[in-house]
PDB file of N, CA and C in Angstrom:
ATOM      1  N   UNK A   1     -67.133 -53.640-172.902  1.00  0.00           N
ATOM      2  CA  UNK A   1     -66.378 -54.250-173.975  1.00  0.00           C
ATOM      3  C   UNK A   1     -64.901 -53.892-173.787  1.00  0.00           C
ATOM      4  N   UNK A   2     -64.066 -54.847-173.960  1.00  0.00           N
ATOM      5  CA  UNK A   2     -62.635 -54.628-173.817  1.00  0.00           C
ATOM      6  C   UNK A   2     -62.078 -53.985-175.083  1.00  0.00           C
ATOM      7  N   UNK A   3     -60.882 -53.452-174.963  1.00  0.00           N
ATOM      8  CA  UNK A   3     -60.219 -52.872-176.130  1.00  0.00           C
ATOM      9  C   UNK A   3     -58.823 -53.457-176.236  1.00  0.00           C
ATOM     10  N   UNK A   4     -58.275 -53.401-177.429  1.00  0.00           N
ATOM     11  CA  UNK A   4     -56.952 -53.946-177.692  1.00  0.00           C
ATOM     12  C   UNK A   4     -55.881 -53.054-177.064  1.00  0.00           C
ATOM     13  N   UNK A   5     -55.204 -53.580-176.072  1.00  0.00           N
ATOM     14  CA  UNK A   5     -54.125 -52.828-175.439  1.00  0.00           C
ATOM     15  C   UNK A   5     -52.952 -52.658-176.400  1.00  0.00           C
ATOM     16  N   UNK A   6     -52.756 -53.634-177.279  1.00  0.00           N
ATOM     17  CA  UNK A   6     -51.697 -53.510-178.283  1.00  0.00           C
ATOM     18  C   UNK A   6     -51.969 -52.321-179.207  1.00  0.00           C
ATOM     19  N   UNK A   7     -53.203 -52.190-179.671  1.00  0.00           N
ATOM     20  CA  UNK A   7     -53.559 -51.055-180.522  1.00  0.00           C
ATOM     21  C   UNK A   7     -53.441 -49.748-179.741  1.00  0.00           C
ATOM     22  N   UNK A   8     -53.833 -49.758-178.471  1.00  0.00           N
ATOM     23  CA  UNK A   8     -53.711 -48.557-177.641  1.00  0.00           C
ATOM     24  C   UNK A   8     -52.250 -48.110-177.549  1.00  0.00           C
ATOM     25  N   UNK A   9     -51.335 -49.054-177.382  1.00  0.00           N
ATOM     26  CA  UNK A   9     -49.912 -48.707-177.313  1.00  0.00           C
ATOM     27  C   UNK A   9     -49.426 -48.112-178.632  1.00  0.00           C
ATOM     28  N   UNK A  10     -49.913 -48.649-179.722  1.00  0.00           N
ATOM     29  CA  UNK A  10     -49.520 -48.119-181.035  1.00  0.00           C
ATOM     30  C   UNK A  10     -50.041 -46.695-181.221  1.00  0.00           C
ATOM     31  N   UNK A  11     -51.277 -46.430-180.786  1.00  0.00           N
ATOM     32  CA  UNK A  11     -51.825 -45.072-180.890  1.00  0.00           C
ATOM     33  C   UNK A  11     -51.038 -44.130-179.984  1.00  0.00           C
ATOM     34  N   UNK A  12     -50.726 -44.566-178.778  1.00  0.00           N
ATOM     35  CA  UNK A  12     -49.927 -43.737-177.858  1.00  0.00           C
ATOM     36  C   UNK A  12     -48.593 -43.360-178.496  1.00  0.00           C
ATOM     37  N   UNK A  13     -47.974 -44.295-179.194  1.00  0.00           N
ATOM     38  CA  UNK A  13     -46.704 -44.020-179.864  1.00  0.00           C
ATOM     39  C   UNK A  13     -46.872 -42.921-180.911  1.00  0.00           C
ATOM     40  N   UNK A  14     -47.954 -42.997-181.695  1.00  0.00           N
ATOM     41  CA  UNK A  14     -48.202 -41.983-182.732  1.00  0.00           C
ATOM     42  C   UNK A  14     -48.417 -40.607-182.104  1.00  0.00           C
ATOM     43  N   UNK A  15     -49.083 -40.581-180.950  1.00  0.00           N
ATOM     44  CA  UNK A  15     -49.418 -39.304-180.299  1.00  0.00           C
ATOM     45  C   UNK A  15     -48.431 -38.897-179.199  1.00  0.00           C
ATOM     46  N   UNK A  16     -47.301 -39.569-179.129  1.00  0.00           N
ATOM     47  CA  UNK A  16     -46.355 -39.359-178.028  1.00  0.00           C
ATOM     48  C   UNK A  16     -45.866 -37.922-177.884  1.00  0.00           C
ATOM     49  N   UNK A  17     -45.831 -37.157-178.957  1.00  0.00           N
ATOM     50  CA  UNK A  17     -45.318 -35.791-178.882  1.00  0.00           C
ATOM     51  C   UNK A  17     -46.387 -34.769-178.504  1.00  0.00           C
ATOM     52  N   UNK A  18     -47.601 -35.205-178.240  1.00  0.00           N
ATOM     53  CA  UNK A  18     -48.704 -34.293-177.932  1.00  0.00           C
ATOM     54  C   UNK A  18     -48.806 -34.065-176.420  1.00  0.00           C
ATOM     55  N   UNK A  19     -48.519 -32.856-175.995  1.00  0.00           N
ATOM     56  CA  UNK A  19     -48.621 -32.504-174.573  1.00  0.00           C
ATOM     57  C   UNK A  19     -50.073 -32.426-174.120  1.00  0.00           C
ATOM     58  N   UNK A  20     -50.998 -32.249-175.059  1.00  0.00           N
ATOM     59  CA  UNK A  20     -52.413 -32.095-174.712  1.00  0.00           C
ATOM     60  C   UNK A  20     -53.190 -33.412-174.779  1.00  0.00           C
ATOM     61  N   UNK A  21     -52.484 -34.543-174.800  1.00  0.00           N
ATOM     62  CA  UNK A  21     -53.111 -35.856-174.882  1.00  0.00           C
ATOM     63  C   UNK A  21     -53.685 -36.270-173.538  1.00  0.00           C
ATOM     64  N   UNK A  22     -54.903 -36.769-173.576  1.00  0.00           N
ATOM     65  CA  UNK A  22     -55.557 -37.328-172.403  1.00  0.00           C
ATOM     66  C   UNK A  22     -56.296 -38.577-172.859  1.00  0.00           C
ATOM     67  N   UNK A  23     -56.364 -39.575-172.018  1.00  0.00           N
ATOM     68  CA  UNK A  23     -57.094 -40.795-172.331  1.00  0.00           C
ATOM     69  C   UNK A  23     -58.282 -40.919-171.394  1.00  0.00           C
ATOM     70  N   UNK A  24     -59.403 -41.372-171.946  1.00  0.00           N
ATOM     71  CA  UNK A  24     -60.608 -41.571-171.140  1.00  0.00           C
ATOM     72  C   UNK A  24     -61.306 -42.834-171.586  1.00  0.00           C
ATOM     73  N   UNK A  25     -61.814 -43.551-170.624  1.00  0.00           N
ATOM     74  CA  UNK A  25     -62.662 -44.700-170.955  1.00  0.00           C
ATOM     75  C   UNK A  25     -63.992 -44.151-171.432  1.00  0.00           C
ATOM     76  N   UNK A  26     -64.403 -44.604-172.614  1.00  0.00           N
ATOM     77  CA  UNK A  26     -65.610 -44.077-173.233  1.00  0.00           C
ATOM     78  C   UNK A  26     -66.135 -45.112-174.214  1.00  0.00           C
ATOM     79  N   UNK A  27     -67.430 -45.192-174.382  1.00  0.00           N
ATOM     80  CA  UNK A  27     -68.070 -46.108-175.335  1.00  0.00           C
ATOM     81  C   UNK A  27     -67.674 -47.561-175.072  1.00  0.00           C
ATOM     82  N   UNK A  28     -67.330 -47.900-173.850  1.00  0.00           N
ATOM     83  CA  UNK A  28     -66.890 -49.255-173.555  1.00  0.00           C
ATOM     84  C   UNK A  28     -65.486 -49.535-174.038  1.00  0.00           C
ATOM     85  N   UNK A  29     -64.771 -48.507-174.438  1.00  0.00           N
ATOM     86  CA  UNK A  29     -63.408 -48.657-174.929  1.00  0.00           C
ATOM     87  C   UNK A  29     -62.527 -47.555-174.368  1.00  0.00           C
ATOM     88  N   UNK A  30     -61.613 -47.076-175.172  1.00  0.00           N
ATOM     89  CA  UNK A  30     -60.669 -46.049-174.755  1.00  0.00           C
ATOM     90  C   UNK A  30     -60.675 -44.935-175.785  1.00  0.00           C
ATOM     91  N   UNK A  31     -60.832 -43.698-175.315  1.00  0.00           N
ATOM     92  CA  UNK A  31     -60.816 -42.536-176.202  1.00  0.00           C
ATOM     93  C   UNK A  31     -59.544 -41.736-175.981  1.00  0.00           C
ATOM     94  N   UNK A  32     -58.997 -41.207-177.066  1.00  0.00           N
ATOM     95  CA  UNK A  32     -57.824 -40.343-177.020  1.00  0.00           C
ATOM     96  C   UNK A  32     -58.296 -38.925-177.282  1.00  0.00           C
ATOM     97  N   UNK A  33     -58.096 -38.071-176.291  1.00  0.00           N
ATOM     98  CA  UNK A  33     -58.543 -36.683-176.341  1.00  0.00           C
ATOM     99  C   UNK A  33     -57.340 -35.788-176.595  1.00  0.00           C
ATOM    100  N   UNK A  34     -57.521 -34.802-177.459  1.00  0.00           N
ATOM    101  CA  UNK A  34     -56.493 -33.802-177.734  1.00  0.00           C
ATOM    102  C   UNK A  34     -57.107 -32.435-177.507  1.00  0.00           C
ATOM    103  N   UNK A  35     -56.547 -31.694-176.584  1.00  0.00           N
ATOM    104  CA  UNK A  35     -57.098 -30.389-176.257  1.00  0.00           C
ATOM    105  C   UNK A  35     -58.532 -30.467-175.759  1.00  0.00           C
ATOM    106  N   UNK A  36     -58.894 -31.584-175.157  1.00  0.00           N
ATOM    107  CA  UNK A  36     -60.237 -31.766-174.629  1.00  0.00           C
ATOM    108  C   UNK A  36     -61.241 -32.309-175.626  1.00  0.00           C
ATOM    109  N   UNK A  37     -60.825 -32.526-176.872  1.00  0.00           N
ATOM    110  CA  UNK A  37     -61.717 -33.043-177.912  1.00  0.00           C
ATOM    111  C   UNK A  37     -61.296 -34.460-178.299  1.00  0.00           C
ATOM    112  N   UNK A  38     -62.272 -35.331-178.492  1.00  0.00           N
ATOM    113  CA  UNK A  38     -61.948 -36.682-178.915  1.00  0.00           C
ATOM    114  C   UNK A  38     -61.421 -36.660-180.347  1.00  0.00           C
ATOM    115  N   UNK A  39     -60.281 -37.319-180.546  1.00  0.00           N
ATOM    116  CA  UNK A  39     -59.685 -37.455-181.876  1.00  0.00           C
ATOM    117  C   UNK A  39     -59.922 -38.857-182.429  1.00  0.00           C
ATOM    118  N   UNK A  40     -59.725 -39.846-181.570  1.00  0.00           N
ATOM    119  CA  UNK A  40     -59.898 -41.230-181.973  1.00  0.00           C
ATOM    120  C   UNK A  40     -60.058 -42.081-180.727  1.00  0.00           C
ATOM    121  N   UNK A  41     -60.333 -43.332-180.934  1.00  0.00           N
ATOM    122  CA  UNK A  41     -60.488 -44.236-179.804  1.00  0.00           C
ATOM    123  C   UNK A  41     -60.440 -45.672-180.278  1.00  0.00           C
ATOM    124  N   UNK A  42     -60.544 -46.570-179.329  1.00  0.00           N
ATOM    125  CA  UNK A  42     -60.471 -47.997-179.634  1.00  0.00           C
ATOM    126  C   UNK A  42     -61.650 -48.698-178.980  1.00  0.00           C
ATOM    127  N   UNK A  43     -62.322 -49.490-179.781  1.00  0.00           N
ATOM    128  CA  UNK A  43     -63.357 -50.386-179.284  1.00  0.00           C
ATOM    129  C   UNK A  43     -63.022 -51.756-179.857  1.00  0.00           C
ATOM    130  N   UNK A  44     -62.772 -52.706-178.984  1.00  0.00           N
ATOM    131  CA  UNK A  44     -62.323 -54.023-179.442  1.00  0.00           C
ATOM    132  C   UNK A  44     -60.982 -53.874-180.123  1.00  0.00           C
ATOM    133  N   UNK A  45     -60.897 -54.347-181.368  1.00  0.00           N
ATOM    134  CA  UNK A  45     -59.649 -54.201-182.122  1.00  0.00           C
ATOM    135  C   UNK A  45     -59.808 -53.219-183.280  1.00  0.00           C
ATOM    136  N   UNK A  46     -60.840 -52.373-183.185  1.00  0.00           N
ATOM    137  CA  UNK A  46     -61.095 -51.373-184.220  1.00  0.00           C
ATOM    138  C   UNK A  46     -60.765 -49.979-183.707  1.00  0.00           C
ATOM    139  N   UNK A  47     -60.374 -49.131-184.627  1.00  0.00           N
ATOM    140  CA  UNK A  47     -60.116 -47.736-184.307  1.00  0.00           C
ATOM    141  C   UNK A  47     -61.342 -46.930-184.709  1.00  0.00           C
ATOM    142  N   UNK A  48     -61.832 -46.097-183.809  1.00  0.00           N
ATOM    143  CA  UNK A  48     -62.871 -45.152-184.195  1.00  0.00           C
ATOM    144  C   UNK A  48     -62.168 -43.821-184.372  1.00  0.00           C
ATOM    145  N   UNK A  49     -62.511 -43.146-185.452  1.00  0.00           N
ATOM    146  CA  UNK A  49     -61.823 -41.907-185.801  1.00  0.00           C
ATOM    147  C   UNK A  49     -62.854 -40.813-185.995  1.00  0.00           C
ATOM    148  N   UNK A  50     -62.610 -39.679-185.357  1.00  0.00           N
ATOM    149  CA  UNK A  50     -63.469 -38.515-185.530  1.00  0.00           C
ATOM    150  C   UNK A  50     -62.917 -37.713-186.697  1.00  0.00           C
ATOM    151  N   UNK A  51     -63.553 -37.870-187.843  1.00  0.00           N
ATOM    152  CA  UNK A  51     -63.075 -37.212-189.056  1.00  0.00           C
ATOM    153  C   UNK A  51     -63.834 -35.930-189.357  1.00  0.00           C
ATOM    154  N   UNK A  52     -64.981 -35.748-188.720  1.00  0.00           N
ATOM    155  CA  UNK A  52     -65.815 -34.579-188.971  1.00  0.00           C
ATOM    156  C   UNK A  52     -66.810 -34.847-190.080  1.00  0.00           C
ATOM    157  N   UNK A  53     -67.923 -34.124-190.069  1.00  0.00           N
ATOM    158  CA  UNK A  53     -68.990 -34.374-191.047  1.00  0.00           C
ATOM    159  C   UNK A  53     -68.553 -34.202-192.499  1.00  0.00           C
ATOM    160  N   UNK A  54     -67.687 -33.238-192.768  1.00  0.00           N
ATOM    161  CA  UNK A  54     -67.285 -32.974-194.154  1.00  0.00           C
ATOM    162  C   UNK A  54     -66.386 -34.057-194.738  1.00  0.00           C
ATOM    163  N   UNK A  55     -65.686 -34.791-193.895  1.00  0.00           N
ATOM    164  CA  UNK A  55     -64.751 -35.816-194.375  1.00  0.00           C
ATOM    165  C   UNK A  55     -65.304 -37.233-194.257  1.00  0.00           C
ATOM    166  N   UNK A  56     -66.518 -37.371-193.752  1.00  0.00           N
ATOM    167  CA  UNK A  56     -67.070 -38.711-193.538  1.00  0.00           C
ATOM    168  C   UNK A  56     -67.156 -39.508-194.834  1.00  0.00           C
ATOM    169  N   UNK A  57     -67.681 -38.911-195.889  1.00  0.00           N
ATOM    170  CA  UNK A  57     -67.824 -39.618-197.161  1.00  0.00           C
ATOM    171  C   UNK A  57     -66.507 -40.117-197.709  1.00  0.00           C
ATOM    172  N   UNK A  58     -65.495 -39.271-197.699  1.00  0.00           N
ATOM    173  CA  UNK A  58     -64.193 -39.694-198.238  1.00  0.00           C
ATOM    174  C   UNK A  58     -63.547 -40.742-197.338  1.00  0.00           C
ATOM    175  N   UNK A  59     -63.754 -40.639-196.028  1.00  0.00           N
ATOM    176  CA  UNK A  59     -63.207 -41.649-195.115  1.00  0.00           C
ATOM    177  C   UNK A  59     -63.870 -43.001-195.358  1.00  0.00           C
ATOM    178  N   UNK A  60     -65.192 -42.986-195.555  1.00  0.00           N
ATOM    179  CA  UNK A  60     -65.912 -44.237-195.775  1.00  0.00           C
ATOM    180  C   UNK A  60     -65.625 -44.852-197.138  1.00  0.00           C
ATOM    181  N   UNK A  61     -65.081 -44.089-198.058  1.00  0.00           N
ATOM    182  CA  UNK A  61     -64.712 -44.618-199.366  1.00  0.00           C
ATOM    183  C   UNK A  61     -63.408 -45.411-199.303  1.00  0.00           C
ATOM    184  N   UNK A  62     -62.693 -45.300-198.194  1.00  0.00           N
ATOM    185  CA  UNK A  62     -61.424 -46.012-198.034  1.00  0.00           C
ATOM    186  C   UNK A  62     -61.681 -47.442-197.574  1.00  0.00           C
ATOM    187  N   UNK A  63     -60.762 -48.352-197.861  1.00  0.00           N
ATOM    188  CA  UNK A  63     -60.951 -49.754-197.462  1.00  0.00           C
ATOM    189  C   UNK A  63     -61.016 -49.931-195.943  1.00  0.00           C
ATOM    190  N   UNK A  64     -61.748 -50.939-195.523  1.00  0.00           N
ATOM    191  CA  UNK A  64     -61.813 -51.393-194.132  1.00  0.00           C
ATOM    192  C   UNK A  64     -62.497 -50.402-193.192  1.00  0.00           C
ATOM    193  N   UNK A  65     -63.351 -49.545-193.731  1.00  0.00           N
ATOM    194  CA  UNK A  65     -64.064 -48.580-192.894  1.00  0.00           C
ATOM    195  C   UNK A  65     -65.563 -48.866-192.933  1.00  0.00           C
ATOM    196  N   UNK A  66     -66.239 -48.354-191.908  1.00  0.00           N
ATOM    197  CA  UNK A  66     -67.695 -48.401-191.863  1.00  0.00           C
ATOM    198  C   UNK A  66     -68.154 -47.285-190.945  1.00  0.00           C
ATOM    199  N   UNK A  67     -69.419 -46.901-191.065  1.00  0.00           N
ATOM    200  CA  UNK A  67     -69.915 -45.839-190.182  1.00  0.00           C
ATOM    201  C   UNK A  67     -69.859 -46.281-188.720  1.00  0.00           C
ATOM    202  N   UNK A  68     -69.586 -45.351-187.829  1.00  0.00           N
ATOM    203  CA  UNK A  68     -69.644 -45.662-186.405  1.00  0.00           C
ATOM    204  C   UNK A  68     -71.110 -45.658-186.019  1.00  0.00           C
ATOM    205  N   UNK A  69     -71.595 -46.833-185.693  1.00  0.00           N
ATOM    206  CA  UNK A  69     -73.008 -46.994-185.388  1.00  0.00           C
ATOM    207  C   UNK A  69     -73.192 -47.635-184.013  1.00  0.00           C
ATOM    208  N   UNK A  70     -72.432 -47.159-183.069  1.00  0.00           N
ATOM    209  CA  UNK A  70     -72.404 -47.745-181.723  1.00  0.00           C
ATOM    210  C   UNK A  70     -73.791 -47.849-181.107  1.00  0.00           C
ATOM    211  N   UNK A  71     -74.634 -46.874-181.332  1.00  0.00           N
ATOM    212  CA  UNK A  71     -75.972 -46.858-180.733  1.00  0.00           C
ATOM    213  C   UNK A  71     -77.034 -47.425-181.671  1.00  0.00           C
ATOM    214  N   UNK A  72     -76.638 -47.925-182.822  1.00  0.00           N
ATOM    215  CA  UNK A  72     -77.600 -48.405-183.800  1.00  0.00           C
ATOM    216  C   UNK A  72     -77.904 -47.367-184.867  1.00  0.00           C
ATOM    217  N   UNK A  73     -77.490 -46.138-184.626  1.00  0.00           N
ATOM    218  CA  UNK A  73     -77.617 -45.054-185.608  1.00  0.00           C
ATOM    219  C   UNK A  73     -76.221 -44.529-185.894  1.00  0.00           C
ATOM    220  N   UNK A  74     -75.894 -44.335-187.166  1.00  0.00           N
ATOM    221  CA  UNK A  74     -74.557 -43.802-187.476  1.00  0.00           C
ATOM    222  C   UNK A  74     -74.338 -42.439-186.817  1.00  0.00           C
ATOM    223  N   UNK A  75     -73.153 -42.270-186.250  1.00  0.00           N
ATOM    224  CA  UNK A  75     -72.788 -40.993-185.640  1.00  0.00           C
ATOM    225  C   UNK A  75     -72.098 -40.142-186.700  1.00  0.00           C
ATOM    226  N   UNK A  76     -72.590 -38.940-186.891  1.00  0.00           N
ATOM    227  CA  UNK A  76     -72.027 -38.050-187.905  1.00  0.00           C
ATOM    228  C   UNK A  76     -70.574 -37.721-187.581  1.00  0.00           C
ATOM    229  N   UNK A  77     -69.754 -37.802-188.602  1.00  0.00           N
ATOM    230  CA  UNK A  77     -68.362 -37.417-188.443  1.00  0.00           C
ATOM    231  C   UNK A  77     -67.467 -38.464-187.810  1.00  0.00           C
ATOM    232  N   UNK A  78     -67.994 -39.686-187.598  1.00  0.00           N
ATOM    233  CA  UNK A  78     -67.217 -40.742-186.950  1.00  0.00           C
ATOM    234  C   UNK A  78     -67.213 -41.987-187.831  1.00  0.00           C
ATOM    235  N   UNK A  79     -66.064 -42.647-187.906  1.00  0.00           N
ATOM    236  CA  UNK A  79     -65.965 -43.900-188.655  1.00  0.00           C
ATOM    237  C   UNK A  79     -65.194 -44.927-187.830  1.00  0.00           C
ATOM    238  N   UNK A  80     -65.478 -46.184-188.104  1.00  0.00           N
ATOM    239  CA  UNK A  80     -64.679 -47.291-187.580  1.00  0.00           C
ATOM    240  C   UNK A  80     -63.701 -47.703-188.664  1.00  0.00           C
ATOM    241  N   UNK A  81     -62.497 -48.044-188.259  1.00  0.00           N
ATOM    242  CA  UNK A  81     -61.505 -48.623-189.158  1.00  0.00           C
ATOM    243  C   UNK A  81     -61.189 -50.003-188.602  1.00  0.00           C
ATOM    244  N   UNK A  82     -61.443 -51.031-189.413  1.00  0.00           N
ATOM    245  CA  UNK A  82     -61.197 -52.400-188.983  1.00  0.00           C
ATOM    246  C   UNK A  82     -59.717 -52.707-188.844  1.00  0.00           C
ATOM    247  N   UNK A  83     -59.424 -53.767-188.112  1.00  0.00           N
ATOM    248  CA  UNK A  83     -58.038 -54.159-187.842  1.00  0.00           C
ATOM    249  C   UNK A  83     -57.227 -54.347-189.122  1.00  0.00           C
ATOM    250  N   UNK A  84     -57.887 -54.810-190.201  1.00  0.00           N
ATOM    251  CA  UNK A  84     -57.167 -55.016-191.464  1.00  0.00           C
ATOM    252  C   UNK A  84     -56.612 -53.713-192.022  1.00  0.00           C
ATOM    253  N   UNK A  85     -57.261 -52.605-191.695  1.00  0.00           N
ATOM    254  CA  UNK A  85     -56.829 -51.302-192.189  1.00  0.00           C
ATOM    255  C   UNK A  85     -55.835 -50.605-191.282  1.00  0.00           C
ATOM    256  N   UNK A  86     -55.359 -51.325-190.261  1.00  0.00           N
ATOM    257  CA  UNK A  86     -54.451 -50.739-189.270  1.00  0.00           C
ATOM    258  C   UNK A  86     -53.178 -51.556-189.109  1.00  0.00           C
ATOM    259  N   UNK A  87     -52.947 -52.463-190.013  1.00  0.00           N
ATOM    260  CA  UNK A  87     -51.822 -53.392-189.849  1.00  0.00           C
ATOM    261  C   UNK A  87     -50.465 -52.702-189.857  1.00  0.00           C
ATOM    262  N   UNK A  88     -50.280 -51.760-190.754  1.00  0.00           N
ATOM    263  CA  UNK A  88     -48.968 -51.110-190.828  1.00  0.00           C
ATOM    264  C   UNK A  88     -48.953 -49.836-189.981  1.00  0.00           C
ATOM    265  N   UNK A  89     -47.756 -49.433-189.605  1.00  0.00           N
ATOM    266  CA  UNK A  89     -47.601 -48.184-188.843  1.00  0.00           C
ATOM    267  C   UNK A  89     -48.091 -47.005-189.677  1.00  0.00           C
ATOM    268  N   UNK A  90     -47.855 -47.047-190.962  1.00  0.00           N
ATOM    269  CA  UNK A  90     -48.287 -45.958-191.845  1.00  0.00           C
ATOM    270  C   UNK A  90     -49.812 -45.847-191.884  1.00  0.00           C
ATOM    271  N   UNK A  91     -50.496 -46.977-192.007  1.00  0.00           N
ATOM    272  CA  UNK A  91     -51.958 -46.965-192.028  1.00  0.00           C
ATOM    273  C   UNK A  91     -52.503 -46.349-190.740  1.00  0.00           C
ATOM    274  N   UNK A  92     -51.991 -46.823-189.607  1.00  0.00           N
ATOM    275  CA  UNK A  92     -52.470 -46.312-188.319  1.00  0.00           C
ATOM    276  C   UNK A  92     -52.173 -44.829-188.187  1.00  0.00           C
ATOM    277  N   UNK A  93     -50.962 -44.431-188.515  1.00  0.00           N
ATOM    278  CA  UNK A  93     -50.565 -43.028-188.403  1.00  0.00           C
ATOM    279  C   UNK A  93     -51.471 -42.130-189.242  1.00  0.00           C
ATOM    280  N   UNK A  94     -51.827 -42.575-190.437  1.00  0.00           N
ATOM    281  CA  UNK A  94     -52.712 -41.790-191.299  1.00  0.00           C
ATOM    282  C   UNK A  94     -54.055 -41.545-190.619  1.00  0.00           C
ATOM    283  N   UNK A  95     -54.646 -42.590-190.063  1.00  0.00           N
ATOM    284  CA  UNK A  95     -55.950 -42.440-189.416  1.00  0.00           C
ATOM    285  C   UNK A  95     -55.873 -41.608-188.138  1.00  0.00           C
ATOM    286  N   UNK A  96     -54.858 -41.850-187.322  1.00  0.00           N
ATOM    287  CA  UNK A  96     -54.725 -41.091-186.072  1.00  0.00           C
ATOM    288  C   UNK A  96     -54.506 -39.614-186.384  1.00  0.00           C
ATOM    289  N   UNK A  97     -53.691 -39.314-187.376  1.00  0.00           N
ATOM    290  CA  UNK A  97     -53.460 -37.915-187.744  1.00  0.00           C
ATOM    291  C   UNK A  97     -54.719 -37.269-188.321  1.00  0.00           C
ATOM    292  N   UNK A  98     -55.543 -38.049-188.994  1.00  0.00           N
ATOM    293  CA  UNK A  98     -56.800 -37.516-189.502  1.00  0.00           C
ATOM    294  C   UNK A  98     -57.694 -37.094-188.327  1.00  0.00           C
ATOM    295  N   UNK A  99     -57.793 -37.952-187.323  1.00  0.00           N
ATOM    296  CA  UNK A  99     -58.579 -37.610-186.138  1.00  0.00           C
ATOM    297  C   UNK A  99     -57.981 -36.440-185.373  1.00  0.00           C
ATOM    298  N   UNK A 100     -56.662 -36.415-185.263  1.00  0.00           N
ATOM    299  CA  UNK A 100     -55.989 -35.312-184.566  1.00  0.00           C
ATOM    300  C   UNK A 100     -56.210 -34.001-185.299  1.00  0.00           C
ATOM    301  N   UNK A 101     -56.167 -34.053-186.606  1.00  0.00           N
ATOM    302  CA  UNK A 101     -56.385 -32.837-187.397  1.00  0.00           C
ATOM    303  C   UNK A 101     -57.774 -32.264-187.170  1.00  0.00           C
ATOM    304  N   UNK A 102     -58.775 -33.149-187.098  1.00  0.00           N
ATOM    305  CA  UNK A 102     -60.126 -32.650-186.838  1.00  0.00           C
ATOM    306  C   UNK A 102     -60.211 -32.083-185.429  1.00  0.00           C
ATOM    307  N   UNK A 103     -59.678 -32.781-184.444  1.00  0.00           N
ATOM    308  CA  UNK A 103     -59.717 -32.290-183.055  1.00  0.00           C
ATOM    309  C   UNK A 103     -59.010 -30.937-182.953  1.00  0.00           C
ATOM    310  N   UNK A 104     -57.910 -30.782-183.656  1.00  0.00           N
ATOM    311  CA  UNK A 104     -57.171 -29.510-183.626  1.00  0.00           C
ATOM    312  C   UNK A 104     -57.940 -28.363-184.295  1.00  0.00           C
ATOM    313  N   UNK A 105     -58.875 -28.708-185.171  1.00  0.00           N
ATOM    314  CA  UNK A 105     -59.633 -27.668-185.869  1.00  0.00           C
ATOM    315  C   UNK A 105     -60.765 -27.082-185.014  1.00  0.00           C
ATOM    316  N   UNK A 106     -61.039 -27.711-183.880  1.00  0.00           N
ATOM    317  CA  UNK A 106     -62.127 -27.256-183.019  1.00  0.00           C
ATOM    318  C   UNK A 106     -61.638 -26.205-182.042  1.00  0.00           C
ATOM    319  N   UNK A 107     -62.533 -25.332-181.580  1.00  0.00           N
ATOM    320  CA  UNK A 107     -62.123 -24.314-180.608  1.00  0.00           C
ATOM    321  C   UNK A 107     -61.645 -24.953-179.314  1.00  0.00           C
ATOM    322  N   UNK A 108     -60.682 -24.312-178.654  1.00  0.00           N
ATOM    323  CA  UNK A 108     -60.161 -24.882-177.398  1.00  0.00           C
ATOM    324  C   UNK A 108     -61.275 -25.037-176.359  1.00  0.00           C
ATOM    325  N   UNK A 109     -61.146 -26.092-175.575  1.00  0.00           N
ATOM    326  CA  UNK A 109     -62.067 -26.303-174.465  1.00  0.00           C
ATOM    327  C   UNK A 109     -61.499 -25.652-173.227  1.00  0.00           C
ATOM    328  N   UNK A 110     -62.382 -25.154-172.417  1.00  0.00           N
ATOM    329  CA  UNK A 110     -61.922 -24.516-171.163  1.00  0.00           C
ATOM    330  C   UNK A 110     -62.005 -25.447-170.014  1.00  0.00           C
TER     331      UNK A 110
END
């Protein structure tokens, strides 16, 4: 599955100051890794965000979200944000920072 290169450029802009940023093709899309942990990614024109199990409920209560169910079963701690919820720079920045915050809360990878 292809991913939106336009959305990828917007995410790169939000994460431009992160020296620990790495990109990997994953889930048929593109994943953004921070310190070796996935923070967010793009599948099609949607953003997948790793919010963590404790924040999943509050993330799903926000508009334009749904559980990440790539395999047919919802993945704990992951949500999709539809394109409608990413139109403004502020909306995107909020979601990317949410994923970055969770990735930063995890122990460093070796």
